[in-house]
Amino acid sequence: MQSVTNVYNYFKKFGYKTVVMGASFRNIGEITELAGCDLLTISPQLLAELEKTLGDLPRKLDPQAAQSLPIEKIVVDKAAFERMHAQDRMAHDKLKEGIEGFSAALEKLEGLLAARLAALESRTPAAV
């Protein structure tokens, strides 16, 4: 949550035209910590849990509030990006985890599509 908050506040402070999206939540506490973020991807299970929750949901992230934060603008070139990325273990690990997860999902999808195509091709024209 800290990483998304930092990214959100930095981009909003300096007026970058981008949308910040939080994802991979494990509980509703993590979701409420990012209340106000541009977008959130929330699992159906956590959406159902949120629906049952009563009470206020104060906005934690706000573009106007970000304007007054004491954040310094960072000049980033390739070397600076690589240094910063290497120093941020969470960013490095989560990026690696995300890429590996998407790769595994893509391989699974390709396998399912290949099996489906094979099944369709094995049918006789009369059966199709």
N, C-alpha and C. Protein backbone atom coordinates (compact mmCIF):
# COMPACT_ATOMS: atom_id res chain seq x y z
N MET A 1 0.82 -1.17 0.00
CA MET A 1 0.00 0.00 0.00
C MET A 1 0.88 1.26 0.00
N GLN A 2 2.01 1.15 0.66
CA GLN A 2 2.91 2.29 0.74
C GLN A 2 3.45 2.66 -0.65
N SER A 3 3.75 1.66 -1.45
CA SER A 3 4.28 1.92 -2.79
C SER A 3 3.23 2.63 -3.66
N VAL A 4 1.99 2.14 -3.63
CA VAL A 4 0.92 2.78 -4.43
C VAL A 4 0.68 4.20 -3.93
N THR A 5 0.69 4.38 -2.62
CA THR A 5 0.50 5.72 -2.05
C THR A 5 1.60 6.66 -2.51
N ASN A 6 2.84 6.20 -2.46
CA ASN A 6 3.97 7.03 -2.89
C ASN A 6 3.87 7.39 -4.38
N VAL A 7 3.55 6.41 -5.20
CA VAL A 7 3.41 6.64 -6.64
C VAL A 7 2.28 7.64 -6.90
N TYR A 8 1.14 7.40 -6.27
CA TYR A 8 -0.03 8.27 -6.45
C TYR A 8 0.33 9.71 -6.09
N ASN A 9 0.88 9.90 -4.89
CA ASN A 9 1.19 11.26 -4.43
C ASN A 9 2.22 11.94 -5.32
N TYR A 10 3.22 11.20 -5.77
CA TYR A 10 4.25 11.78 -6.65
C TYR A 10 3.64 12.22 -7.98
N PHE A 11 2.89 11.33 -8.61
CA PHE A 11 2.30 11.66 -9.92
C PHE A 11 1.32 12.81 -9.82
N LYS A 12 0.52 12.82 -8.75
CA LYS A 12 -0.48 13.90 -8.61
C LYS A 12 0.21 15.22 -8.26
N LYS A 13 1.24 15.18 -7.44
CA LYS A 13 1.94 16.42 -7.06
C LYS A 13 2.52 17.11 -8.29
N PHE A 14 3.11 16.33 -9.19
CA PHE A 14 3.79 16.92 -10.33
C PHE A 14 2.94 16.92 -11.61
N GLY A 15 1.67 16.57 -11.49
CA GLY A 15 0.74 16.71 -12.60
C GLY A 15 0.93 15.75 -13.75
N TYR A 16 1.49 14.58 -13.49
CA TYR A 16 1.62 13.60 -14.56
C TYR A 16 0.23 13.13 -14.95
N LYS A 17 -0.03 13.09 -16.24
CA LYS A 17 -1.34 12.66 -16.73
C LYS A 17 -1.33 11.13 -16.84
N THR A 18 -1.65 10.51 -15.74
CA THR A 18 -1.66 9.06 -15.67
C THR A 18 -2.73 8.62 -14.68
N VAL A 19 -3.06 7.37 -14.73
CA VAL A 19 -4.03 6.80 -13.81
C VAL A 19 -3.27 5.79 -12.95
N VAL A 20 -3.43 5.90 -11.65
CA VAL A 20 -2.78 4.98 -10.72
C VAL A 20 -3.80 3.93 -10.30
N MET A 21 -3.40 2.65 -10.40
CA MET A 21 -4.33 1.57 -10.06
C MET A 21 -3.70 0.65 -9.02
N GLY A 22 -4.40 0.47 -7.92
CA GLY A 22 -3.98 -0.48 -6.90
C GLY A 22 -4.55 -1.85 -7.20
N ALA A 23 -3.79 -2.90 -6.84
CA ALA A 23 -4.24 -4.26 -7.14
C ALA A 23 -3.62 -5.24 -6.14
N SER A 24 -4.03 -6.49 -6.26
CA SER A 24 -3.48 -7.60 -5.47
C SER A 24 -3.75 -7.45 -3.98
N PHE A 25 -4.97 -7.13 -3.64
CA PHE A 25 -5.34 -6.94 -2.24
C PHE A 25 -5.57 -8.28 -1.57
N ARG A 26 -5.16 -8.37 -0.31
CA ARG A 26 -5.37 -9.58 0.47
C ARG A 26 -6.49 -9.42 1.49
N ASN A 27 -6.84 -8.17 1.80
CA ASN A 27 -7.91 -7.94 2.78
C ASN A 27 -8.49 -6.54 2.55
N ILE A 28 -9.65 -6.26 3.17
CA ILE A 28 -10.30 -4.97 2.94
C ILE A 28 -9.56 -3.82 3.60
N GLY A 29 -8.75 -4.11 4.61
CA GLY A 29 -7.93 -3.06 5.22
C GLY A 29 -6.97 -2.44 4.22
N GLU A 30 -6.40 -3.26 3.36
CA GLU A 30 -5.51 -2.75 2.32
C GLU A 30 -6.28 -1.87 1.33
N ILE A 31 -7.50 -2.26 1.03
CA ILE A 31 -8.33 -1.49 0.10
C ILE A 31 -8.67 -0.13 0.70
N THR A 32 -9.07 -0.12 1.96
CA THR A 32 -9.46 1.15 2.58
C THR A 32 -8.27 2.10 2.72
N GLU A 33 -7.06 1.56 2.80
CA GLU A 33 -5.87 2.42 2.88
C GLU A 33 -5.63 3.17 1.57
N LEU A 34 -6.20 2.67 0.49
CA LEU A 34 -6.03 3.33 -0.81
C LEU A 34 -7.31 4.02 -1.28
N ALA A 35 -8.23 4.27 -0.37
CA ALA A 35 -9.46 4.97 -0.73
C ALA A 35 -9.11 6.31 -1.37
N GLY A 36 -9.63 6.53 -2.57
CA GLY A 36 -9.34 7.74 -3.32
C GLY A 36 -8.41 7.50 -4.49
N CYS A 37 -7.78 6.33 -4.54
CA CYS A 37 -6.90 6.00 -5.67
C CYS A 37 -7.73 6.03 -6.97
N ASP A 38 -7.08 6.32 -8.09
CA ASP A 38 -7.81 6.44 -9.36
C ASP A 38 -8.61 5.18 -9.67
N LEU A 39 -7.97 4.02 -9.57
CA LEU A 39 -8.63 2.75 -9.85
C LEU A 39 -8.13 1.69 -8.88
N LEU A 40 -8.99 0.73 -8.57
CA LEU A 40 -8.60 -0.42 -7.76
C LEU A 40 -9.18 -1.67 -8.42
N THR A 41 -8.38 -2.72 -8.50
CA THR A 41 -8.93 -4.00 -8.94
C THR A 41 -9.17 -4.81 -7.67
N ILE A 42 -10.42 -5.23 -7.47
CA ILE A 42 -10.81 -5.89 -6.23
C ILE A 42 -11.50 -7.21 -6.58
N SER A 43 -11.08 -8.27 -5.92
CA SER A 43 -11.66 -9.59 -6.18
C SER A 43 -13.12 -9.62 -5.77
N PRO A 44 -13.91 -10.49 -6.39
CA PRO A 44 -15.32 -10.62 -6.00
C PRO A 44 -15.50 -10.92 -4.51
N GLN A 45 -14.62 -11.75 -3.94
CA GLN A 45 -14.71 -12.09 -2.51
C GLN A 45 -14.55 -10.84 -1.65
N LEU A 46 -13.57 -10.00 -1.96
CA LEU A 46 -13.37 -8.79 -1.16
C LEU A 46 -14.46 -7.76 -1.43
N LEU A 47 -14.99 -7.71 -2.66
CA LEU A 47 -16.12 -6.82 -2.93
C LEU A 47 -17.33 -7.21 -2.08
N ALA A 48 -17.57 -8.51 -1.96
CA ALA A 48 -18.69 -8.99 -1.13
C ALA A 48 -18.46 -8.62 0.33
N GLU A 49 -17.23 -8.73 0.78
CA GLU A 49 -16.89 -8.37 2.16
C GLU A 49 -17.09 -6.87 2.38
N LEU A 50 -16.67 -6.07 1.41
CA LEU A 50 -16.85 -4.62 1.51
C LEU A 50 -18.32 -4.25 1.55
N GLU A 51 -19.12 -4.95 0.76
CA GLU A 51 -20.55 -4.66 0.70
C GLU A 51 -21.22 -4.85 2.06
N LYS A 52 -20.71 -5.78 2.85
CA LYS A 52 -21.27 -6.06 4.17
C LYS A 52 -20.74 -5.11 5.24
N THR A 53 -19.76 -4.28 4.90
CA THR A 53 -19.13 -3.40 5.88
C THR A 53 -19.89 -2.08 5.98
N LEU A 54 -20.19 -1.68 7.21
CA LEU A 54 -20.88 -0.42 7.45
C LEU A 54 -19.88 0.58 8.05
N GLY A 55 -20.12 1.86 7.79
CA GLY A 55 -19.26 2.89 8.39
C GLY A 55 -18.73 3.84 7.34
N ASP A 56 -17.99 4.80 7.80
CA ASP A 56 -17.40 5.79 6.91
C ASP A 56 -16.17 5.22 6.22
N LEU A 57 -15.91 5.73 5.04
CA LEU A 57 -14.71 5.36 4.29
C LEU A 57 -14.01 6.67 3.91
N PRO A 58 -13.17 7.17 4.81
CA PRO A 58 -12.51 8.44 4.51
C PRO A 58 -11.50 8.30 3.36
N ARG A 59 -11.45 9.34 2.55
CA ARG A 59 -10.53 9.36 1.42
C ARG A 59 -9.11 9.51 1.95
N LYS A 60 -8.23 8.59 1.57
CA LYS A 60 -6.84 8.63 2.01
C LYS A 60 -5.94 9.26 0.96
N LEU A 61 -6.29 9.07 -0.32
CA LEU A 61 -5.49 9.62 -1.41
C LEU A 61 -6.30 10.71 -2.11
N ASP A 62 -5.68 11.87 -2.28
CA ASP A 62 -6.38 13.00 -2.86
C ASP A 62 -5.40 13.83 -3.67
N PRO A 63 -5.72 14.13 -4.93
CA PRO A 63 -4.78 14.88 -5.76
C PRO A 63 -4.48 16.28 -5.22
N GLN A 64 -5.47 16.93 -4.62
CA GLN A 64 -5.24 18.26 -4.06
C GLN A 64 -4.33 18.18 -2.83
N ALA A 65 -4.53 17.17 -2.00
CA ALA A 65 -3.68 17.00 -0.82
C ALA A 65 -2.24 16.70 -1.24
N ALA A 66 -2.07 15.97 -2.33
CA ALA A 66 -0.72 15.63 -2.80
C ALA A 66 0.07 16.89 -3.17
N GLN A 67 -0.63 17.93 -3.61
CA GLN A 67 0.04 19.17 -4.01
C GLN A 67 0.86 19.78 -2.88
N SER A 68 0.42 19.61 -1.64
CA SER A 68 1.09 20.25 -0.51
C SER A 68 2.13 19.35 0.16
N LEU A 69 2.31 18.14 -0.35
CA LEU A 69 3.28 17.23 0.27
C LEU A 69 4.71 17.63 -0.08
N PRO A 70 5.64 17.46 0.88
CA PRO A 70 7.03 17.82 0.63
C PRO A 70 7.78 16.73 -0.15
N ILE A 71 7.44 16.63 -1.42
CA ILE A 71 8.05 15.62 -2.29
C ILE A 71 8.95 16.33 -3.29
N GLU A 72 10.17 15.82 -3.43
CA GLU A 72 11.10 16.41 -4.40
C GLU A 72 10.95 15.71 -5.75
N LYS A 73 11.03 16.52 -6.80
CA LYS A 73 10.97 15.95 -8.15
C LYS A 73 12.26 15.19 -8.43
N ILE A 74 12.12 14.06 -9.02
CA ILE A 74 13.26 13.19 -9.31
C ILE A 74 13.56 13.24 -10.80
N VAL A 75 14.81 13.45 -11.12
CA VAL A 75 15.25 13.38 -12.51
C VAL A 75 15.69 11.93 -12.73
N VAL A 76 15.03 11.28 -13.66
CA VAL A 76 15.30 9.86 -13.85
C VAL A 76 15.80 9.59 -15.26
N ASP A 77 16.99 9.04 -15.32
CA ASP A 77 17.51 8.50 -16.57
C ASP A 77 17.60 6.98 -16.38
N LYS A 78 18.10 6.28 -17.36
CA LYS A 78 18.14 4.82 -17.27
C LYS A 78 18.94 4.35 -16.06
N ALA A 79 20.09 4.95 -15.83
CA ALA A 79 20.94 4.54 -14.71
C ALA A 79 20.24 4.80 -13.37
N ALA A 80 19.61 5.96 -13.25
CA ALA A 80 18.90 6.29 -12.01
C ALA A 80 17.73 5.34 -11.79
N PHE A 81 17.00 5.03 -12.86
CA PHE A 81 15.88 4.10 -12.74
C PHE A 81 16.37 2.74 -12.25
N GLU A 82 17.41 2.23 -12.88
CA GLU A 82 17.93 0.92 -12.50
C GLU A 82 18.43 0.91 -11.06
N ARG A 83 19.09 1.98 -10.63
CA ARG A 83 19.58 2.08 -9.26
C ARG A 83 18.40 2.12 -8.28
N MET A 84 17.40 2.95 -8.57
CA MET A 84 16.24 3.08 -7.69
C MET A 84 15.45 1.76 -7.63
N HIS A 85 15.31 1.12 -8.78
CA HIS A 85 14.58 -0.13 -8.85
C HIS A 85 15.30 -1.21 -8.04
N ALA A 86 16.61 -1.27 -8.16
CA ALA A 86 17.38 -2.27 -7.42
C ALA A 86 17.31 -2.02 -5.92
N GLN A 87 17.22 -0.77 -5.51
CA GLN A 87 17.17 -0.43 -4.09
C GLN A 87 15.80 -0.68 -3.47
N ASP A 88 14.77 -0.70 -4.29
CA ASP A 88 13.40 -0.90 -3.78
C ASP A 88 13.04 -2.37 -3.92
N ARG A 89 13.34 -3.13 -2.87
CA ARG A 89 13.12 -4.58 -2.92
C ARG A 89 11.68 -4.94 -3.23
N MET A 90 10.72 -4.18 -2.63
CA MET A 90 9.31 -4.47 -2.87
C MET A 90 8.98 -4.31 -4.35
N ALA A 91 9.44 -3.21 -4.94
CA ALA A 91 9.14 -2.98 -6.36
C ALA A 91 9.76 -4.08 -7.21
N HIS A 92 10.99 -4.42 -6.91
CA HIS A 92 11.69 -5.46 -7.67
C HIS A 92 10.96 -6.80 -7.54
N ASP A 93 10.66 -7.18 -6.30
CA ASP A 93 10.02 -8.47 -6.06
C ASP A 93 8.61 -8.53 -6.65
N LYS A 94 7.84 -7.46 -6.47
CA LYS A 94 6.46 -7.45 -6.98
C LYS A 94 6.44 -7.42 -8.51
N LEU A 95 7.37 -6.69 -9.12
CA LEU A 95 7.43 -6.68 -10.58
C LEU A 95 7.76 -8.08 -11.09
N LYS A 96 8.75 -8.71 -10.47
CA LYS A 96 9.13 -10.06 -10.86
C LYS A 96 7.94 -11.02 -10.67
N GLU A 97 7.28 -10.92 -9.52
CA GLU A 97 6.13 -11.77 -9.22
C GLU A 97 5.01 -11.54 -10.25
N GLY A 98 4.76 -10.28 -10.58
CA GLY A 98 3.72 -9.96 -11.55
C GLY A 98 4.02 -10.50 -12.93
N ILE A 99 5.26 -10.31 -13.37
CA ILE A 99 5.65 -10.80 -14.70
C ILE A 99 5.55 -12.32 -14.75
N GLU A 100 6.03 -12.98 -13.70
CA GLU A 100 5.95 -14.44 -13.65
C GLU A 100 4.49 -14.91 -13.63
N GLY A 101 3.64 -14.21 -12.89
CA GLY A 101 2.23 -14.58 -12.83
C GLY A 101 1.54 -14.41 -14.18
N PHE A 102 1.80 -13.28 -14.85
CA PHE A 102 1.20 -13.07 -16.17
C PHE A 102 1.73 -14.08 -17.17
N SER A 103 3.02 -14.42 -17.08
CA SER A 103 3.59 -15.41 -18.00
C SER A 103 2.95 -16.77 -17.79
N ALA A 104 2.78 -17.16 -16.53
CA ALA A 104 2.14 -18.45 -16.23
C ALA A 104 0.70 -18.47 -16.73
N ALA A 105 -0.02 -17.37 -16.52
CA ALA A 105 -1.41 -17.29 -16.98
C ALA A 105 -1.48 -17.36 -18.51
N LEU A 106 -0.54 -16.71 -19.18
CA LEU A 106 -0.50 -16.75 -20.64
C LEU A 106 -0.23 -18.17 -21.14
N GLU A 107 0.71 -18.85 -20.50
CA GLU A 107 1.01 -20.23 -20.91
C GLU A 107 -0.20 -21.13 -20.68
N LYS A 108 -0.90 -20.95 -19.58
CA LYS A 108 -2.10 -21.74 -19.30
C LYS A 108 -3.17 -21.47 -20.35
N LEU A 109 -3.37 -20.18 -20.67
CA LEU A 109 -4.36 -19.81 -21.68
C LEU A 109 -4.00 -20.42 -23.04
N GLU A 110 -2.72 -20.34 -23.41
CA GLU A 110 -2.29 -20.92 -24.68
C GLU A 110 -2.56 -22.43 -24.71
N GLY A 111 -2.32 -23.11 -23.58
CA GLY A 111 -2.60 -24.54 -23.50
C GLY A 111 -4.08 -24.84 -23.65
N LEU A 112 -4.93 -24.05 -22.99
CA LEU A 112 -6.37 -24.23 -23.09
C LEU A 112 -6.85 -23.98 -24.52
N LEU A 113 -6.33 -22.93 -25.13
CA LEU A 113 -6.73 -22.63 -26.52
C LEU A 113 -6.26 -23.71 -27.48
N ALA A 114 -5.05 -24.22 -27.28
CA ALA A 114 -4.54 -25.29 -28.15
C ALA A 114 -5.40 -26.54 -28.01
N ALA A 115 -5.77 -26.88 -26.78
CA ALA A 115 -6.63 -28.05 -26.55
C ALA A 115 -8.00 -27.85 -27.19
N ARG A 116 -8.55 -26.67 -27.06
CA ARG A 116 -9.87 -26.38 -27.64
C ARG A 116 -9.80 -26.45 -29.17
N LEU A 117 -8.75 -25.87 -29.74
CA LEU A 117 -8.59 -25.90 -31.20
C LEU A 117 -8.43 -27.33 -31.69
N ALA A 118 -7.64 -28.13 -30.98
CA ALA A 118 -7.46 -29.53 -31.36
C ALA A 118 -8.79 -30.28 -31.31
N ALA A 119 -9.59 -30.01 -30.28
CA ALA A 119 -10.89 -30.65 -30.16
C ALA A 119 -11.81 -30.25 -31.31
N LEU A 120 -11.77 -28.97 -31.67
CA LEU A 120 -12.61 -28.51 -32.78
C LEU A 120 -12.15 -29.09 -34.11
N GLU A 121 -10.84 -29.19 -34.30
CA GLU A 121 -10.31 -29.71 -35.56
C GLU A 121 -10.55 -31.22 -35.69
N SER A 122 -10.67 -31.92 -34.58
CA SER A 122 -10.88 -33.38 -34.64
C SER A 122 -12.32 -33.76 -34.93
N ARG A 123 -13.24 -32.81 -34.84
CA ARG A 123 -14.64 -33.10 -35.12
C ARG A 123 -14.84 -33.25 -36.62
N THR A 124 -15.78 -34.07 -36.98
CA THR A 124 -16.11 -34.21 -38.41
C THR A 124 -16.96 -33.01 -38.82
N PRO A 125 -16.95 -32.64 -40.10
CA PRO A 125 -17.76 -31.50 -40.54
C PRO A 125 -19.23 -31.64 -40.19
N ALA A 126 -19.76 -32.85 -40.19
CA ALA A 126 -21.18 -33.05 -39.87
C ALA A 126 -21.46 -32.79 -38.39
N ALA A 127 -20.47 -33.04 -37.54
CA ALA A 127 -20.65 -32.86 -36.10
C ALA A 127 -20.53 -31.39 -35.70
N VAL A 128 -19.91 -30.57 -36.51
CA VAL A 128 -19.72 -29.16 -36.19
C VAL A 128 -20.97 -28.45 -36.48
